[in-house]
C-alpha atoms as a PDB file:
ATOM      1  CA  MET A   1     -23.547   0.779  -8.439  1.00  0.00           C
ATOM      2  CA  CYS A   2     -23.671   2.393  -4.846  1.00  0.00           C
ATOM      3  CA  VAL A   3     -26.877   1.338  -4.295  1.00  0.00           C
ATOM      4  CA  VAL A   4     -26.012  -2.438  -5.066  1.00  0.00           C
ATOM      5  CA  ALA A   5     -22.649  -2.361  -3.483  1.00  0.00           C
ATOM      6  CA  TRP A   6     -24.986  -0.769   0.080  1.00  0.00           C
ATOM      7  CA  LEU A   7     -27.237  -3.651  -0.269  1.00  0.00           C
ATOM      8  CA  LEU A   8     -24.575  -6.413  -0.528  1.00  0.00           C
ATOM      9  CA  ARG A   9     -22.906  -4.569   2.569  1.00  0.00           C
ATOM     10  CA  LEU A  10     -19.649  -4.244   0.462  1.00  0.00           C
ATOM     11  CA  SER A  11     -18.857  -1.804   2.749  1.00  0.00           C
ATOM     12  CA  SER A  12     -17.187  -3.835   5.747  1.00  0.00           C
ATOM     13  CA  LEU A  13     -14.534  -4.954   3.115  1.00  0.00           C
ATOM     14  CA  VAL A  14     -13.055  -1.249   3.574  1.00  0.00           C
ATOM     15  CA  ASN A  15     -12.347  -2.952   7.340  1.00  0.00           C
ATOM     16  CA  PHE A  16      -9.762  -5.078   5.192  1.00  0.00           C
ATOM     17  CA  ILE A  17      -7.546  -2.619   3.677  1.00  0.00           C
ATOM     18  CA  SER A  18      -4.655  -0.922   6.051  1.00  0.00           C
ATOM     19  CA  GLU A  19      -4.683   2.480   7.383  1.00  0.00           C
ATOM     20  CA  THR A  20      -1.483   3.251   5.547  1.00  0.00           C
ATOM     21  CA  ILE A  21      -3.000   2.425   1.754  1.00  0.00           C
ATOM     22  CA  LEU A  22      -6.496   4.359   2.954  1.00  0.00           C
ATOM     23  CA  LEU A  23      -4.183   7.463   3.759  1.00  0.00           C
ATOM     24  CA  GLY A  24      -2.865   7.440   1.286  1.00  0.00           C
ATOM     25  CA  PHE A  25      -6.355   7.172  -0.842  1.00  0.00           C
ATOM     26  CA  LYS A  26      -7.526   9.332   0.955  1.00  0.00           C
ATOM     27  CA  ALA A  27      -4.148  12.022   0.313  1.00  0.00           C
ATOM     28  CA  GLY A  28      -4.330  11.519  -3.770  1.00  0.00           C
ATOM     29  CA  ALA A  29      -7.829  11.921  -3.816  1.00  0.00           C
ATOM     30  CA  ALA A  30      -7.508  15.600  -1.699  1.00  0.00           C
ATOM     31  CA  LEU A  31      -5.094  16.543  -4.058  1.00  0.00           C
ATOM     32  CA  THR A  32      -6.546  15.793  -7.176  1.00  0.00           C
ATOM     33  CA  ILE A  33      -9.573  17.802  -6.169  1.00  0.00           C
ATOM     34  CA  ALA A  34      -7.347  20.261  -5.089  1.00  0.00           C
ATOM     35  CA  MET A  35      -5.353  20.697  -8.545  1.00  0.00           C
ATOM     36  CA  THR A  36      -8.667  20.666 -10.345  1.00  0.00           C
ATOM     37  CA  GLN A  37      -9.698  23.854  -7.680  1.00  0.00           C
ATOM     38  CA  LEU A  38      -7.345  26.121  -7.984  1.00  0.00           C
ATOM     39  CA  PRO A  39      -7.369  26.790 -11.313  1.00  0.00           C
ATOM     40  CA  LYS A  40     -11.602  28.390 -10.537  1.00  0.00           C
ATOM     41  CA  LEU A  41      -9.831  29.867  -7.215  1.00  0.00           C
ATOM     42  CA  PHE A  42      -7.390  31.834  -9.225  1.00  0.00           C
ATOM     43  CA  GLY A  43      -8.749  32.420 -12.135  1.00  0.00           C
ATOM     44  CA  VAL A  44      -6.922  30.695 -14.733  1.00  0.00           C
ATOM     45  CA  LYS A  45      -8.133  28.029 -17.501  1.00  0.00           C
ATOM     46  CA  GLY A  46      -6.409  24.975 -16.144  1.00  0.00           C
ATOM     47  CA  GLY A  47      -5.476  22.306 -18.142  1.00  0.00           C
ATOM     48  CA  GLY A  48      -3.380  19.253 -18.174  1.00  0.00           C
ATOM     49  CA  HIS A  49      -3.865  15.355 -17.914  1.00  0.00           C
ATOM     50  CA  GLY A  50      -2.905  14.036 -14.371  1.00  0.00           C
ATOM     51  CA  PHE A  51      -1.547  15.872 -11.422  1.00  0.00           C
ATOM     52  CA  PHE A  52       1.762  16.571 -12.389  1.00  0.00           C
ATOM     53  CA  GLU A  53       1.266  18.178 -15.665  1.00  0.00           C
ATOM     54  CA  SER A  54      -2.518  20.324 -14.137  1.00  0.00           C
ATOM     55  CA  ALA A  55       0.614  21.721 -11.508  1.00  0.00           C
ATOM     56  CA  VAL A  56       2.729  22.703 -14.309  1.00  0.00           C
ATOM     57  CA  THR A  57      -0.120  24.402 -16.407  1.00  0.00           C
ATOM     58  CA  LEU A  58      -1.587  26.588 -12.979  1.00  0.00           C
ATOM     59  CA  GLY A  59       2.135  27.296 -12.559  1.00  0.00           C
ATOM     60  CA  SER A  60       2.556  29.123 -15.729  1.00  0.00           C
ATOM     61  CA  GLN A  61      -0.851  30.449 -15.873  1.00  0.00           C
ATOM     62  CA  LEU A  62      -0.119  32.258 -12.357  1.00  0.00           C
ATOM     63  CA  PRO A  63       0.756  35.536 -13.917  1.00  0.00           C
ATOM     64  CA  ASP A  64      -2.768  35.722 -15.457  1.00  0.00           C
ATOM     65  CA  THR A  65      -4.665  35.459 -12.213  1.00  0.00           C
ATOM     66  CA  ASN A  66      -7.773  37.433 -11.937  1.00  0.00           C
ATOM     67  CA  PHE A  67      -7.407  39.089  -9.175  1.00  0.00           C
ATOM     68  CA  ALA A  68     -11.295  39.702  -8.407  1.00  0.00           C
ATOM     69  CA  VAL A  69     -12.010  36.184  -8.929  1.00  0.00           C
ATOM     70  CA  LEU A  70      -9.195  35.541  -6.169  1.00  0.00           C
ATOM     71  CA  ALA A  71     -10.421  37.979  -4.089  1.00  0.00           C
ATOM     72  CA  PHE A  72     -14.021  36.792  -4.107  1.00  0.00           C
ATOM     73  CA  GLY A  73     -12.639  32.724  -3.583  1.00  0.00           C
ATOM     74  CA  LEU A  74     -10.284  33.772  -0.460  1.00  0.00           C
ATOM     75  CA  ALA A  75     -13.320  35.788   0.960  1.00  0.00           C
ATOM     76  CA  ALA A  76     -15.491  32.973   0.485  1.00  0.00           C
ATOM     77  CA  LEU A  77     -13.164  30.575   2.454  1.00  0.00           C
ATOM     78  CA  ALA A  78     -12.705  32.678   5.140  1.00  0.00           C
ATOM     79  CA  VAL A  79     -16.000  32.812   5.742  1.00  0.00           C
ATOM     80  CA  LEU A  80     -16.356  29.179   5.885  1.00  0.00           C
ATOM     81  CA  LEU A  81     -13.405  28.706   7.625  1.00  0.00           C
ATOM     82  CA  LEU A  82     -13.945  31.962  10.239  1.00  0.00           C
ATOM     83  CA  GLY A  83     -17.713  31.392  10.215  1.00  0.00           C
ATOM     84  CA  GLU A  84     -18.105  29.027  13.071  1.00  0.00           C
ATOM     85  CA  ARG A  85     -18.755  31.239  16.591  1.00  0.00           C
ATOM     86  CA  PRO A  86     -15.998  29.709  19.467  1.00  0.00           C
ATOM     87  CA  GLY A  87     -18.011  29.203  21.894  1.00  0.00           C
ATOM     88  CA  ALA A  88     -21.110  28.407  20.593  1.00  0.00           C
ATOM     89  CA  PRO A  89     -22.756  25.287  22.046  1.00  0.00           C
ATOM     90  CA  THR A  90     -22.928  22.281  19.833  1.00  0.00           C
ATOM     91  CA  ARG A  91     -23.957  19.204  21.033  1.00  0.00           C
ATOM     92  CA  ARG A  92     -23.123  15.711  19.336  1.00  0.00           C
ATOM     93  CA  VAL A  93     -26.205  13.077  19.251  1.00  0.00           C
ATOM     94  CA  ASP A  94     -26.024   9.649  17.971  1.00  0.00           C
ATOM     95  CA  HIS A  95     -29.646  10.197  16.268  1.00  0.00           C
ATOM     96  CA  LEU A  96     -32.346  12.061  16.243  1.00  0.00           C
ATOM     97  CA  SER A  97     -35.811   9.765  17.719  1.00  0.00           C
ATOM     98  CA  CYS A  98     -38.952  11.294  16.019  1.00  0.00           C
ATOM     99  CA  ARG A  99     -42.200   9.709  16.566  1.00  0.00           C
ATOM    100  CA  GLU A 100     -45.407  10.520  14.737  1.00  0.00           C
ATOM    101  CA  ALA A 101     -43.857  14.285  13.319  1.00  0.00           C
ATOM    102  CA  PRO A 102     -44.829  15.098   9.959  1.00  0.00           C
ATOM    103  CA  ALA A 103     -41.423  14.996   8.201  1.00  0.00           C
ATOM    104  CA  TRP A 104     -42.166  18.166   6.547  1.00  0.00           C
ATOM    105  CA  GLN A 105     -42.101  20.058  10.444  1.00  0.00           C
ATOM    106  CA  VAL A 106     -39.003  18.024  10.561  1.00  0.00           C
ATOM    107  CA  LEU A 107     -37.259  18.763   7.791  1.00  0.00           C
ATOM    108  CA  LEU A 108     -38.357  22.496   7.510  1.00  0.00           C
ATOM    109  CA  PRO A 109     -38.103  23.926  11.066  1.00  0.00           C
ATOM    110  CA  ARG A 110     -37.627  27.689   9.891  1.00  0.00           C
ATOM    111  CA  HIS A 111     -40.822  27.451   8.546  1.00  0.00           C
ATOM    112  CA  ASN A 112     -42.724  25.785  10.903  1.00  0.00           C
ATOM    113  CA  PRO A 113     -42.765  25.199  14.500  1.00  0.00           C
ATOM    114  CA  PRO A 114     -39.616  23.763  15.952  1.00  0.00           C
ATOM    115  CA  PRO A 115     -40.039  20.553  15.889  1.00  0.00           C
ATOM    116  CA  GLN A 116     -39.132  19.580  20.015  1.00  0.00           C
ATOM    117  CA  ARG A 117     -42.053  18.121  21.345  1.00  0.00           C
ATOM    118  CA  TYR A 118     -41.912  15.529  18.347  1.00  0.00           C
ATOM    119  CA  CYS A 119     -37.593  14.769  18.148  1.00  0.00           C
ATOM    120  CA  GLN A 120     -35.432  13.720  21.275  1.00  0.00           C
ATOM    121  CA  ALA A 121     -31.733  14.004  20.741  1.00  0.00           C
ATOM    122  CA  ILE A 122     -30.534  10.758  22.249  1.00  0.00           C
ATOM    123  CA  PRO A 123     -26.919  11.700  23.559  1.00  0.00           C
ATOM    124  CA  ILE A 124     -23.537   9.679  22.523  1.00  0.00           C
ATOM    125  CA  ARG A 125     -22.874   7.619  25.196  1.00  0.00           C
ATOM    126  CA  SER A 126     -19.341   7.796  26.819  1.00  0.00           C
END
């Protein structure tokens, strides 16, 4: 279904939906995803049908928290959030222009010589 929508260029229809509606939709999706993942973070069963019922169920199960699972989950989140080195050089590019480079050399640079001789970064125009 996504391929058909892409072929019909239906993504342009999003431009007709107001930012406020899109913000509400994204916030609702984020809360729903968070509510499905929080029981796993606390190491409890979870449950409920819907956001508020799931929140009440999670609240009632918090005394049964598995602290080993919680510590591991929080450590993983800390690694994800703090893993980027401050001041590390980053370079944004519009796209990578690759010519005559075999796909395996571009996709697996760790196992092959670096593809710099084949690829050129096209910088973003300001």
